[in-house]
C-alpha atoms as a PDB file:
ATOM      1  CA  MET A   1     -15.744  -9.734   0.694  1.00  0.00           C
ATOM      2  CA  GLN A   2     -15.352 -11.103   4.235  1.00  0.00           C
ATOM      3  CA  ILE A   3     -16.821 -14.211   5.686  1.00  0.00           C
ATOM      4  CA  ALA A   4     -17.536 -14.337   9.472  1.00  0.00           C
ATOM      5  CA  VAL A   5     -17.062 -17.390  11.560  1.00  0.00           C
ATOM      6  CA  ASP A   6     -18.738 -17.507  14.946  1.00  0.00           C
ATOM      7  CA  THR A   7     -20.890 -19.699  17.176  1.00  0.00           C
ATOM      8  CA  SER A   8     -23.873 -17.506  16.497  1.00  0.00           C
ATOM      9  CA  ILE A   9     -24.487 -15.008  13.740  1.00  0.00           C
ATOM     10  CA  PRO A  10     -27.594 -12.828  13.712  1.00  0.00           C
ATOM     11  CA  ALA A  11     -29.943 -13.058  10.702  1.00  0.00           C
ATOM     12  CA  LEU A  12     -29.365  -9.474   9.643  1.00  0.00           C
ATOM     13  CA  TYR A  13     -25.661 -10.201   9.331  1.00  0.00           C
ATOM     14  CA  VAL A  14     -26.391 -13.404   7.402  1.00  0.00           C
ATOM     15  CA  THR A  15     -28.505 -11.482   4.913  1.00  0.00           C
ATOM     16  CA  HIS A  16     -25.795  -8.840   4.674  1.00  0.00           C
ATOM     17  CA  VAL A  17     -23.236 -11.590   3.759  1.00  0.00           C
ATOM     18  CA  LEU A  18     -25.656 -13.058   1.251  1.00  0.00           C
ATOM     19  CA  ASP A  19     -26.079  -9.605  -0.366  1.00  0.00           C
ATOM     20  CA  GLN A  20     -22.273  -9.402  -0.603  1.00  0.00           C
ATOM     21  CA  VAL A  21     -22.037 -12.885  -2.151  1.00  0.00           C
ATOM     22  CA  GLN A  22     -24.806 -11.968  -4.590  1.00  0.00           C
ATOM     23  CA  ALA A  23     -22.973  -8.798  -5.664  1.00  0.00           C
ATOM     24  CA  VAL A  24     -19.792 -10.745  -6.386  1.00  0.00           C
ATOM     25  CA  ARG A  25     -21.028 -14.127  -7.573  1.00  0.00           C
ATOM     26  CA  GLY A  26     -24.633 -13.559  -8.654  1.00  0.00           C
ATOM     27  CA  ARG A  27     -27.896 -14.600  -6.984  1.00  0.00           C
ATOM     28  CA  PRO A  28     -28.123 -18.164  -5.672  1.00  0.00           C
ATOM     29  CA  LYS A  29     -31.212 -20.096  -6.796  1.00  0.00           C
ATOM     30  CA  VAL A  30     -31.411 -21.976  -3.455  1.00  0.00           C
ATOM     31  CA  VAL A  31     -30.045 -21.515   0.073  1.00  0.00           C
ATOM     32  CA  HIS A  32     -29.780 -24.793   1.978  1.00  0.00           C
ATOM     33  CA  THR A  33     -29.938 -24.187   5.692  1.00  0.00           C
ATOM     34  CA  ASP A  34     -30.626 -25.728   9.060  1.00  0.00           C
ATOM     35  CA  ASN A  35     -33.669 -24.733  11.120  1.00  0.00           C
ATOM     36  CA  GLY A  36     -31.812 -22.316  13.423  1.00  0.00           C
ATOM     37  CA  ALA A  37     -33.621 -19.065  14.394  1.00  0.00           C
ATOM     38  CA  GLU A  38     -31.242 -16.960  12.339  1.00  0.00           C
ATOM     39  CA  CYS A  39     -32.145 -18.862   9.191  1.00  0.00           C
ATOM     40  CA  ALA A  40     -35.762 -19.825   9.713  1.00  0.00           C
ATOM     41  CA  GLY A  41     -36.945 -16.477  10.993  1.00  0.00           C
ATOM     42  CA  ARG A  42     -38.747 -13.604   9.290  1.00  0.00           C
ATOM     43  CA  THR A  43     -35.499 -11.820   8.347  1.00  0.00           C
ATOM     44  CA  MET A  44     -34.348 -14.659   6.085  1.00  0.00           C
ATOM     45  CA  GLN A  45     -37.887 -15.279   4.739  1.00  0.00           C
ATOM     46  CA  ASP A  46     -38.174 -11.577   3.778  1.00  0.00           C
ATOM     47  CA  TRP A  47     -34.676 -11.573   2.213  1.00  0.00           C
ATOM     48  CA  ALA A  48     -35.520 -14.742   0.108  1.00  0.00           C
ATOM     49  CA  VAL A  49     -38.811 -13.184  -1.137  1.00  0.00           C
ATOM     50  CA  LYS A  50     -37.085  -9.852  -1.958  1.00  0.00           C
ATOM     51  CA  ASN A  51     -34.272 -11.554  -3.894  1.00  0.00           C
ATOM     52  CA  PRO A  52     -36.273 -14.434  -5.233  1.00  0.00           C
ATOM     53  CA  VAL A  53     -34.267 -17.221  -3.672  1.00  0.00           C
ATOM     54  CA  GLU A  54     -35.696 -20.524  -2.518  1.00  0.00           C
ATOM     55  CA  LEU A  55     -34.949 -21.460   1.101  1.00  0.00           C
ATOM     56  CA  ARG A  56     -34.679 -25.196   1.625  1.00  0.00           C
ATOM     57  CA  PHE A  57     -34.465 -26.437   5.207  1.00  0.00           C
ATOM     58  CA  ILE A  58     -32.872 -29.681   6.229  1.00  0.00           C
ATOM     59  CA  GLN A  59     -34.771 -32.252   8.321  1.00  0.00           C
ATOM     60  CA  PRO A  60     -34.490 -31.186  12.009  1.00  0.00           C
ATOM     61  CA  GLY A  61     -31.693 -33.052  13.779  1.00  0.00           C
ATOM     62  CA  LYS A  62     -30.197 -34.219  10.440  1.00  0.00           C
ATOM     63  CA  PRO A  63     -27.152 -32.014   9.772  1.00  0.00           C
ATOM     64  CA  VAL A  64     -25.800 -34.695   7.423  1.00  0.00           C
ATOM     65  CA  LYS A  65     -28.608 -33.910   5.041  1.00  0.00           C
ATOM     66  CA  THR A  66     -27.093 -30.596   3.944  1.00  0.00           C
ATOM     67  CA  ARG A  67     -25.872 -30.243   0.372  1.00  0.00           C
ATOM     68  CA  THR A  68     -22.296 -29.827   1.632  1.00  0.00           C
ATOM     69  CA  SER A  69     -22.230 -33.300   3.117  1.00  0.00           C
ATOM     70  CA  ARG A  70     -23.455 -34.907  -0.153  1.00  0.00           C
ATOM     71  CA  ALA A  71     -21.167 -32.974  -2.409  1.00  0.00           C
ATOM     72  CA  SER A  72     -17.531 -33.975  -2.592  1.00  0.00           C
ATOM     73  CA  THR A  73     -16.481 -30.345  -3.195  1.00  0.00           C
ATOM     74  CA  ALA A  74     -18.103 -27.245  -1.732  1.00  0.00           C
ATOM     75  CA  ALA A  75     -16.566 -23.850  -1.371  1.00  0.00           C
ATOM     76  CA  SER A  76     -16.596 -22.785   2.240  1.00  0.00           C
ATOM     77  CA  ALA A  77     -16.966 -19.212   1.193  1.00  0.00           C
ATOM     78  CA  THR A  78     -20.584 -19.964  -0.002  1.00  0.00           C
ATOM     79  CA  HIS A  79     -21.647 -20.983   3.518  1.00  0.00           C
ATOM     80  CA  ALA A  80     -24.042 -18.725   5.305  1.00  0.00           C
ATOM     81  CA  CYS A  81     -26.643 -20.694   7.257  1.00  0.00           C
ATOM     82  CA  GLY A  82     -25.569 -23.863   5.434  1.00  0.00           C
ATOM     83  CA  ASN A  83     -24.645 -23.857   1.766  1.00  0.00           C
ATOM     84  CA  ALA A  84     -25.717 -20.825  -0.177  1.00  0.00           C
ATOM     85  CA  GLY A  85     -26.343 -23.003  -3.249  1.00  0.00           C
ATOM     86  CA  LEU A  86     -23.656 -21.216  -5.314  1.00  0.00           C
ATOM     87  CA  PRO A  87     -21.214 -23.049  -7.604  1.00  0.00           C
ATOM     88  CA  ALA A  88     -17.678 -23.426  -6.206  1.00  0.00           C
END
């Protein structure tokens, strides 16, 4: 499984990565994310309904409210539009 790092990643790619994560580590219960277009758009909403996964959006303008900032340990490999909610 590969993880992409970029300044902008399209929603279809994000859902592709989440499918790969799900195949290897199991389905996350929750995906914590910011309100960016790639995460708040129809593609992610459809993926979440199809897979039943809850999408939780942080308060706009509050990136410190993500799960990663509150947890002392978080695996960077579980990040796709924020923290994928998977155990480390």
